PDB file of N, CA and C in Angstrom:
ATOM      1  N   MET A   1      27.241  22.988  15.128  1.00  0.00           N
ATOM      2  CA  MET A   1      26.234  22.087  15.663  1.00  0.00           C
ATOM      3  C   MET A   1      26.392  20.722  15.019  1.00  0.00           C
ATOM      4  N   SER A   2      26.025  19.715  15.737  1.00  0.00           N
ATOM      5  CA  SER A   2      26.181  18.349  15.248  1.00  0.00           C
ATOM      6  C   SER A   2      25.151  18.028  14.171  1.00  0.00           C
ATOM      7  N   LYS A   3      25.426  16.972  13.459  1.00  0.00           N
ATOM      8  CA  LYS A   3      24.519  16.527  12.410  1.00  0.00           C
ATOM      9  C   LYS A   3      23.155  16.163  12.993  1.00  0.00           C
ATOM     10  N   ARG A   4      23.176  15.501  14.153  1.00  0.00           N
ATOM     11  CA  ARG A   4      21.905  15.135  14.799  1.00  0.00           C
ATOM     12  C   ARG A   4      21.122  16.373  15.192  1.00  0.00           C
ATOM     13  N   GLY A   5      21.797  17.390  15.678  1.00  0.00           N
ATOM     14  CA  GLY A   5      21.111  18.630  16.066  1.00  0.00           C
ATOM     15  C   GLY A   5      20.478  19.320  14.869  1.00  0.00           C
ATOM     16  N   ASP A   6      21.181  19.315  13.745  1.00  0.00           N
ATOM     17  CA  ASP A   6      20.636  19.921  12.531  1.00  0.00           C
ATOM     18  C   ASP A   6      19.401  19.166  12.052  1.00  0.00           C
ATOM     19  N   LEU A   7      19.487  17.837  12.083  1.00  0.00           N
ATOM     20  CA  LEU A   7      18.334  17.037  11.670  1.00  0.00           C
ATOM     21  C   LEU A   7      17.157  17.280  12.604  1.00  0.00           C
ATOM     22  N   ARG A   8      17.445  17.360  13.878  1.00  0.00           N
ATOM     23  CA  ARG A   8      16.385  17.554  14.876  1.00  0.00           C
ATOM     24  C   ARG A   8      15.637  18.860  14.647  1.00  0.00           C
ATOM     25  N   LYS A   9      16.362  19.913  14.259  1.00  0.00           N
ATOM     26  CA  LYS A   9      15.729  21.211  14.002  1.00  0.00           C
ATOM     27  C   LYS A   9      14.817  21.169  12.782  1.00  0.00           C
ATOM     28  N   LYS A  10      15.168  20.352  11.801  1.00  0.00           N
ATOM     29  CA  LYS A  10      14.406  20.304  10.551  1.00  0.00           C
ATOM     30  C   LYS A  10      13.216  19.359  10.611  1.00  0.00           C
ATOM     31  N   MET A  11      13.126  18.553  11.651  1.00  0.00           N
ATOM     32  CA  MET A  11      12.038  17.594  11.746  1.00  0.00           C
ATOM     33  C   MET A  11      10.724  18.274  12.098  1.00  0.00           C
ATOM     34  N   GLN A  12       9.634  17.664  11.678  1.00  0.00           N
ATOM     35  CA  GLN A  12       8.300  18.191  11.938  1.00  0.00           C
ATOM     36  C   GLN A  12       7.439  17.107  12.577  1.00  0.00           C
ATOM     37  N   ILE A  13       6.253  17.522  12.985  1.00  0.00           N
ATOM     38  CA  ILE A  13       5.320  16.579  13.605  1.00  0.00           C
ATOM     39  C   ILE A  13       5.011  15.446  12.629  1.00  0.00           C
ATOM     40  N   GLY A  14       5.054  14.239  13.114  1.00  0.00           N
ATOM     41  CA  GLY A  14       4.730  13.082  12.291  1.00  0.00           C
ATOM     42  C   GLY A  14       5.928  12.410  11.651  1.00  0.00           C
ATOM     43  N   ASP A  15       7.100  13.032  11.730  1.00  0.00           N
ATOM     44  CA  ASP A  15       8.273  12.441  11.095  1.00  0.00           C
ATOM     45  C   ASP A  15       8.709  11.146  11.755  1.00  0.00           C
ATOM     46  N   TRP A  16       8.580  11.044  13.076  1.00  0.00           N
ATOM     47  CA  TRP A  16       8.977   9.804  13.742  1.00  0.00           C
ATOM     48  C   TRP A  16       8.086   8.654  13.286  1.00  0.00           C
ATOM     49  N   GLY A  17       6.811   8.914  13.110  1.00  0.00           N
ATOM     50  CA  GLY A  17       5.912   7.873  12.620  1.00  0.00           C
ATOM     51  C   GLY A  17       6.281   7.430  11.221  1.00  0.00           C
ATOM     52  N   LEU A  18       6.649   8.390  10.383  1.00  0.00           N
ATOM     53  CA  LEU A  18       7.045   8.075   9.011  1.00  0.00           C
ATOM     54  C   LEU A  18       8.352   7.285   8.990  1.00  0.00           C
ATOM     55  N   VAL A  19       9.314   7.690   9.811  1.00  0.00           N
ATOM     56  CA  VAL A  19      10.578   6.958   9.904  1.00  0.00           C
ATOM     57  C   VAL A  19      10.319   5.538  10.400  1.00  0.00           C
ATOM     58  N   GLY A  20       9.436   5.410  11.376  1.00  0.00           N
ATOM     59  CA  GLY A  20       9.087   4.085  11.869  1.00  0.00           C
ATOM     60  C   GLY A  20       8.481   3.209  10.792  1.00  0.00           C
ATOM     61  N   LYS A  21       7.600   3.768   9.980  1.00  0.00           N
ATOM     62  CA  LYS A  21       6.997   2.993   8.896  1.00  0.00           C
ATOM     63  C   LYS A  21       8.030   2.596   7.855  1.00  0.00           C
ATOM     64  N   ILE A  22       8.956   3.505   7.552  1.00  0.00           N
ATOM     65  CA  ILE A  22       9.994   3.205   6.571  1.00  0.00           C
ATOM     66  C   ILE A  22      10.846   2.025   7.045  1.00  0.00           C
ATOM     67  N   LEU A  23      11.181   2.028   8.324  1.00  0.00           N
ATOM     68  CA  LEU A  23      12.065   0.988   8.865  1.00  0.00           C
ATOM     69  C   LEU A  23      11.324  -0.235   9.397  1.00  0.00           C
ATOM     70  N   GLY A  24      10.004  -0.161   9.476  1.00  0.00           N
ATOM     71  CA  GLY A  24       9.230  -1.293   9.979  1.00  0.00           C
ATOM     72  C   GLY A  24       9.290  -1.432  11.486  1.00  0.00           C
ATOM     73  N   ILE A  25       9.443  -0.310  12.182  1.00  0.00           N
ATOM     74  CA  ILE A  25       9.471  -0.314  13.639  1.00  0.00           C
ATOM     75  C   ILE A  25       8.490   0.740  14.139  1.00  0.00           C
ATOM     76  N   LYS A  26       8.254   0.755  15.433  1.00  0.00           N
ATOM     77  CA  LYS A  26       7.343   1.748  15.993  1.00  0.00           C
ATOM     78  C   LYS A  26       8.033   3.107  16.059  1.00  0.00           C
ATOM     79  N   ALA A  27       7.224   4.171  16.048  1.00  0.00           N
ATOM     80  CA  ALA A  27       7.755   5.529  16.081  1.00  0.00           C
ATOM     81  C   ALA A  27       8.609   5.762  17.322  1.00  0.00           C
ATOM     82  N   HIS A  28       8.164   5.254  18.457  1.00  0.00           N
ATOM     83  CA  HIS A  28       8.911   5.433  19.691  1.00  0.00           C
ATOM     84  C   HIS A  28      10.274   4.738  19.621  1.00  0.00           C
ATOM     85  N   ASN A  29      10.314   3.568  19.004  1.00  0.00           N
ATOM     86  CA  ASN A  29      11.590   2.863  18.855  1.00  0.00           C
ATOM     87  C   ASN A  29      12.528   3.624  17.931  1.00  0.00           C
ATOM     88  N   ALA A  30      11.999   4.244  16.895  1.00  0.00           N
ATOM     89  CA  ALA A  30      12.832   5.061  16.006  1.00  0.00           C
ATOM     90  C   ALA A  30      13.408   6.240  16.775  1.00  0.00           C
ATOM     91  N   TYR A  31      12.586   6.882  17.584  1.00  0.00           N
ATOM     92  CA  TYR A  31      13.034   8.026  18.381  1.00  0.00           C
ATOM     93  C   TYR A  31      14.112   7.617  19.380  1.00  0.00           C
ATOM     94  N   MET A  32      13.891   6.517  20.083  1.00  0.00           N
ATOM     95  CA  MET A  32      14.863   6.066  21.073  1.00  0.00           C
ATOM     96  C   MET A  32      16.169   5.620  20.411  1.00  0.00           C
ATOM     97  N   SER A  33      16.083   5.035  19.236  1.00  0.00           N
ATOM     98  CA  SER A  33      17.296   4.654  18.508  1.00  0.00           C
ATOM     99  C   SER A  33      18.080   5.881  18.084  1.00  0.00           C
ATOM    100  N   PHE A  34      17.394   6.956  17.764  1.00  0.00           N
ATOM    101  CA  PHE A  34      18.047   8.206  17.381  1.00  0.00           C
ATOM    102  C   PHE A  34      18.800   8.815  18.560  1.00  0.00           C
ATOM    103  N   LEU A  35      18.281   8.622  19.754  1.00  0.00           N
ATOM    104  CA  LEU A  35      18.916   9.181  20.951  1.00  0.00           C
ATOM    105  C   LEU A  35      20.132   8.361  21.397  1.00  0.00           C
ATOM    106  N   ARG A  36      20.266   7.147  20.889  1.00  0.00           N
ATOM    107  CA  ARG A  36      21.349   6.254  21.311  1.00  0.00           C
ATOM    108  C   ARG A  36      22.288   5.964  20.135  1.00  0.00           C
ATOM    109  N   PRO A  37      23.387   6.715  20.032  1.00  0.00           N
ATOM    110  CA  PRO A  37      24.303   6.529  18.890  1.00  0.00           C
ATOM    111  C   PRO A  37      24.937   5.139  18.818  1.00  0.00           C
ATOM    112  N   ASN A  38      24.980   4.412  19.925  1.00  0.00           N
ATOM    113  CA  ASN A  38      25.569   3.075  19.912  1.00  0.00           C
ATOM    114  C   ASN A  38      24.579   1.992  19.514  1.00  0.00           C
ATOM    115  N   CYS A  39      23.343   2.366  19.304  1.00  0.00           N
ATOM    116  CA  CYS A  39      22.299   1.409  18.931  1.00  0.00           C
ATOM    117  C   CYS A  39      22.563   0.877  17.521  1.00  0.00           C
ATOM    118  N   LYS A  40      22.244  -0.394  17.275  1.00  0.00           N
ATOM    119  CA  LYS A  40      22.506  -0.967  15.955  1.00  0.00           C
ATOM    120  C   LYS A  40      21.618  -0.351  14.866  1.00  0.00           C
ATOM    121  N   ARG A  41      20.460   0.194  15.243  1.00  0.00           N
ATOM    122  CA  ARG A  41      19.565   0.814  14.260  1.00  0.00           C
ATOM    123  C   ARG A  41      19.894   2.281  14.002  1.00  0.00           C
ATOM    124  N   PHE A  42      20.794   2.851  14.770  1.00  0.00           N
ATOM    125  CA  PHE A  42      21.088   4.280  14.681  1.00  0.00           C
ATOM    126  C   PHE A  42      21.401   4.737  13.250  1.00  0.00           C
ATOM    127  N   PRO A  43      22.308   4.073  12.515  1.00  0.00           N
ATOM    128  CA  PRO A  43      22.595   4.534  11.142  1.00  0.00           C
ATOM    129  C   PRO A  43      21.362   4.476  10.231  1.00  0.00           C
ATOM    130  N   ASP A  44      20.538   3.457  10.405  1.00  0.00           N
ATOM    131  CA  ASP A  44      19.327   3.338   9.586  1.00  0.00           C
ATOM    132  C   ASP A  44      18.342   4.453   9.904  1.00  0.00           C
ATOM    133  N   VAL A  45      18.188   4.765  11.185  1.00  0.00           N
ATOM    134  CA  VAL A  45      17.259   5.820  11.598  1.00  0.00           C
ATOM    135  C   VAL A  45      17.721   7.169  11.078  1.00  0.00           C
ATOM    136  N   VAL A  46      19.007   7.461  11.216  1.00  0.00           N
ATOM    137  CA  VAL A  46      19.539   8.743  10.730  1.00  0.00           C
ATOM    138  C   VAL A  46      19.372   8.843   9.212  1.00  0.00           C
ATOM    139  N   GLY A  47      19.644   7.766   8.505  1.00  0.00           N
ATOM    140  CA  GLY A  47      19.473   7.766   7.048  1.00  0.00           C
ATOM    141  C   GLY A  47      18.033   7.996   6.640  1.00  0.00           C
ATOM    142  N   ALA A  48      17.102   7.377   7.347  1.00  0.00           N
ATOM    143  CA  ALA A  48      15.676   7.558   7.031  1.00  0.00           C
ATOM    144  C   ALA A  48      15.233   8.987   7.323  1.00  0.00           C
ATOM    145  N   ILE A  49      15.705   9.549   8.429  1.00  0.00           N
ATOM    146  CA  ILE A  49      15.359  10.936   8.762  1.00  0.00           C
ATOM    147  C   ILE A  49      15.906  11.882   7.699  1.00  0.00           C
ATOM    148  N   GLU A  50      17.140  11.654   7.270  1.00  0.00           N
ATOM    149  CA  GLU A  50      17.729  12.496   6.233  1.00  0.00           C
ATOM    150  C   GLU A  50      16.891  12.455   4.965  1.00  0.00           C
ATOM    151  N   LYS A  51      16.446  11.270   4.576  1.00  0.00           N
ATOM    152  CA  LYS A  51      15.634  11.154   3.366  1.00  0.00           C
ATOM    153  C   LYS A  51      14.287  11.862   3.512  1.00  0.00           C
ATOM    154  N   VAL A  52      13.651  11.726   4.667  1.00  0.00           N
ATOM    155  CA  VAL A  52      12.360  12.373   4.907  1.00  0.00           C
ATOM    156  C   VAL A  52      12.511  13.896   4.820  1.00  0.00           C
ATOM    157  N   VAL A  53      13.512  14.424   5.506  1.00  0.00           N
ATOM    158  CA  VAL A  53      13.730  15.878   5.520  1.00  0.00           C
ATOM    159  C   VAL A  53      14.116  16.372   4.131  1.00  0.00           C
ATOM    160  N   GLU A  54      15.007  15.651   3.460  1.00  0.00           N
ATOM    161  CA  GLU A  54      15.453  16.046   2.125  1.00  0.00           C
ATOM    162  C   GLU A  54      14.289  16.056   1.131  1.00  0.00           C
ATOM    163  N   ASN A  55      13.467  15.013   1.163  1.00  0.00           N
ATOM    164  CA  ASN A  55      12.338  14.946   0.234  1.00  0.00           C
ATOM    165  C   ASN A  55      11.308  16.028   0.515  1.00  0.00           C
ATOM    166  N   ARG A  56      11.063  16.350   1.795  1.00  0.00           N
ATOM    167  CA  ARG A  56      10.123  17.409   2.114  1.00  0.00           C
ATOM    168  C   ARG A  56      10.636  18.756   1.602  1.00  0.00           C
ATOM    169  N   GLU A  57      11.930  19.030   1.832  1.00  0.00           N
ATOM    170  CA  GLU A  57      12.502  20.293   1.372  1.00  0.00           C
ATOM    171  C   GLU A  57      12.469  20.393  -0.148  1.00  0.00           C
ATOM    172  N   LYS A  58      12.768  19.285  -0.822  1.00  0.00           N
ATOM    173  CA  LYS A  58      12.745  19.271  -2.276  1.00  0.00           C
ATOM    174  C   LYS A  58      11.332  19.523  -2.803  1.00  0.00           C
ATOM    175  N   LEU A  59      10.351  18.912  -2.166  1.00  0.00           N
ATOM    176  CA  LEU A  59       8.964  19.064  -2.580  1.00  0.00           C
ATOM    177  C   LEU A  59       8.463  20.484  -2.364  1.00  0.00           C
ATOM    178  N   LEU A  60       8.837  21.090  -1.244  1.00  0.00           N
ATOM    179  CA  LEU A  60       8.327  22.416  -0.907  1.00  0.00           C
ATOM    180  C   LEU A  60       9.083  23.551  -1.572  1.00  0.00           C
ATOM    181  N   THR A  61      10.331  23.344  -1.964  1.00  0.00           N
ATOM    182  CA  THR A  61      11.108  24.438  -2.549  1.00  0.00           C
ATOM    183  C   THR A  61      11.041  24.482  -4.059  1.00  0.00           C
ATOM    184  N   ASN A  62      10.551  23.452  -4.705  1.00  0.00           N
ATOM    185  CA  ASN A  62      10.455  23.445  -6.155  1.00  0.00           C
ATOM    186  C   ASN A  62       9.224  24.243  -6.572  1.00  0.00           C
ATOM    187  N   PRO A  63       9.407  25.400  -7.230  1.00  0.00           N
ATOM    188  CA  PRO A  63       8.259  26.246  -7.582  1.00  0.00           C
ATOM    189  C   PRO A  63       7.347  25.632  -8.643  1.00  0.00           C
ATOM    190  N   LYS A  64       7.801  24.603  -9.311  1.00  0.00           N
ATOM    191  CA  LYS A  64       6.978  23.986 -10.350  1.00  0.00           C
ATOM    192  C   LYS A  64       6.039  22.927  -9.799  1.00  0.00           C
ATOM    193  N   ASN A  65       6.063  22.727  -8.477  1.00  0.00           N
ATOM    194  CA  ASN A  65       5.152  21.755  -7.875  1.00  0.00           C
ATOM    195  C   ASN A  65       3.730  22.283  -7.926  1.00  0.00           C
ATOM    196  N   ASN A  66       2.865  21.523  -8.501  1.00  0.00           N
ATOM    197  CA  ASN A  66       1.451  21.866  -8.551  1.00  0.00           C
ATOM    198  C   ASN A  66       0.670  20.770  -7.853  1.00  0.00           C
ATOM    199  N   ILE A  67      -0.435  21.145  -7.281  1.00  0.00           N
ATOM    200  CA  ILE A  67      -1.293  20.187  -6.607  1.00  0.00           C
ATOM    201  C   ILE A  67      -2.534  20.007  -7.461  1.00  0.00           C
ATOM    202  N   ARG A  68      -2.854  18.768  -7.799  1.00  0.00           N
ATOM    203  CA  ARG A  68      -4.030  18.493  -8.623  1.00  0.00           C
ATOM    204  C   ARG A  68      -5.190  18.143  -7.695  1.00  0.00           C
ATOM    205  N   VAL A  69      -6.273  18.940  -7.754  1.00  0.00           N
ATOM    206  CA  VAL A  69      -7.436  18.724  -6.922  1.00  0.00           C
ATOM    207  C   VAL A  69      -8.671  18.792  -7.818  1.00  0.00           C
ATOM    208  N   ASN A  70      -9.428  17.690  -7.847  1.00  0.00           N
ATOM    209  CA  ASN A  70     -10.675  17.634  -8.618  1.00  0.00           C
ATOM    210  C   ASN A  70     -10.495  18.131 -10.050  1.00  0.00           C
ATOM    211  N   LYS A  71      -9.487  17.614 -10.735  1.00  0.00           N
ATOM    212  CA  LYS A  71      -9.200  17.914 -12.134  1.00  0.00           C
ATOM    213  C   LYS A  71      -8.830  19.374 -12.384  1.00  0.00           C
ATOM    214  N   ARG A  72      -8.558  20.135 -11.327  1.00  0.00           N
ATOM    215  CA  ARG A  72      -8.060  21.499 -11.482  1.00  0.00           C
ATOM    216  C   ARG A  72      -6.637  21.522 -10.962  1.00  0.00           C
ATOM    217  N   ILE A  73      -5.840  22.392 -11.509  1.00  0.00           N
ATOM    218  CA  ILE A  73      -4.467  22.534 -11.019  1.00  0.00           C
ATOM    219  C   ILE A  73      -4.411  23.794 -10.178  1.00  0.00           C
ATOM    220  N   ILE A  74      -3.987  23.625  -8.947  1.00  0.00           N
ATOM    221  CA  ILE A  74      -3.862  24.746  -8.023  1.00  0.00           C
ATOM    222  C   ILE A  74      -2.377  24.942  -7.764  1.00  0.00           C
ATOM    223  N   GLU A  75      -1.879  26.118  -8.045  1.00  0.00           N
ATOM    224  CA  GLU A  75      -0.468  26.369  -7.801  1.00  0.00           C
ATOM    225  C   GLU A  75      -0.224  26.526  -6.315  1.00  0.00           C
ATOM    226  N   ARG A  76       0.960  26.102  -5.900  1.00  0.00           N
ATOM    227  CA  ARG A  76       1.339  26.215  -4.500  1.00  0.00           C
ATOM    228  C   ARG A  76       1.481  27.690  -4.161  1.00  0.00           C
ATOM    229  N   PRO A  77       0.847  28.155  -3.076  1.00  0.00           N
ATOM    230  CA  PRO A  77       0.934  29.568  -2.731  1.00  0.00           C
ATOM    231  C   PRO A  77       2.344  29.942  -2.282  1.00  0.00           C
ATOM    232  N   ASP A  78       2.715  31.176  -2.576  1.00  0.00           N
ATOM    233  CA  ASP A  78       4.015  31.685  -2.136  1.00  0.00           C
ATOM    234  C   ASP A  78       3.847  32.329  -0.788  1.00  0.00           C
ATOM    235  N   PHE A  79       4.662  31.941   0.132  1.00  0.00           N
ATOM    236  CA  PHE A  79       4.586  32.501   1.478  1.00  0.00           C
ATOM    237  C   PHE A  79       5.705  33.451   1.702  1.00  0.00           C
TER     238      PHE A  79
END
């Protein structure tokens, strides 16, 4: 499978909005740039998506991640 297909599978709701904010463009423009490999923003969009997906995976897979809520530490539940 292509790199774009792999990234597409790992994306979640709200990622286009986040990519748009990172690049300073609208979410729809980020999505359309991703669909057009000849677009000048294409490398930037792919790079931003990679960072978003990578950071989410890193955050969720590290078992030492704790969430601090109201001065209590709540461990991330194991699913």
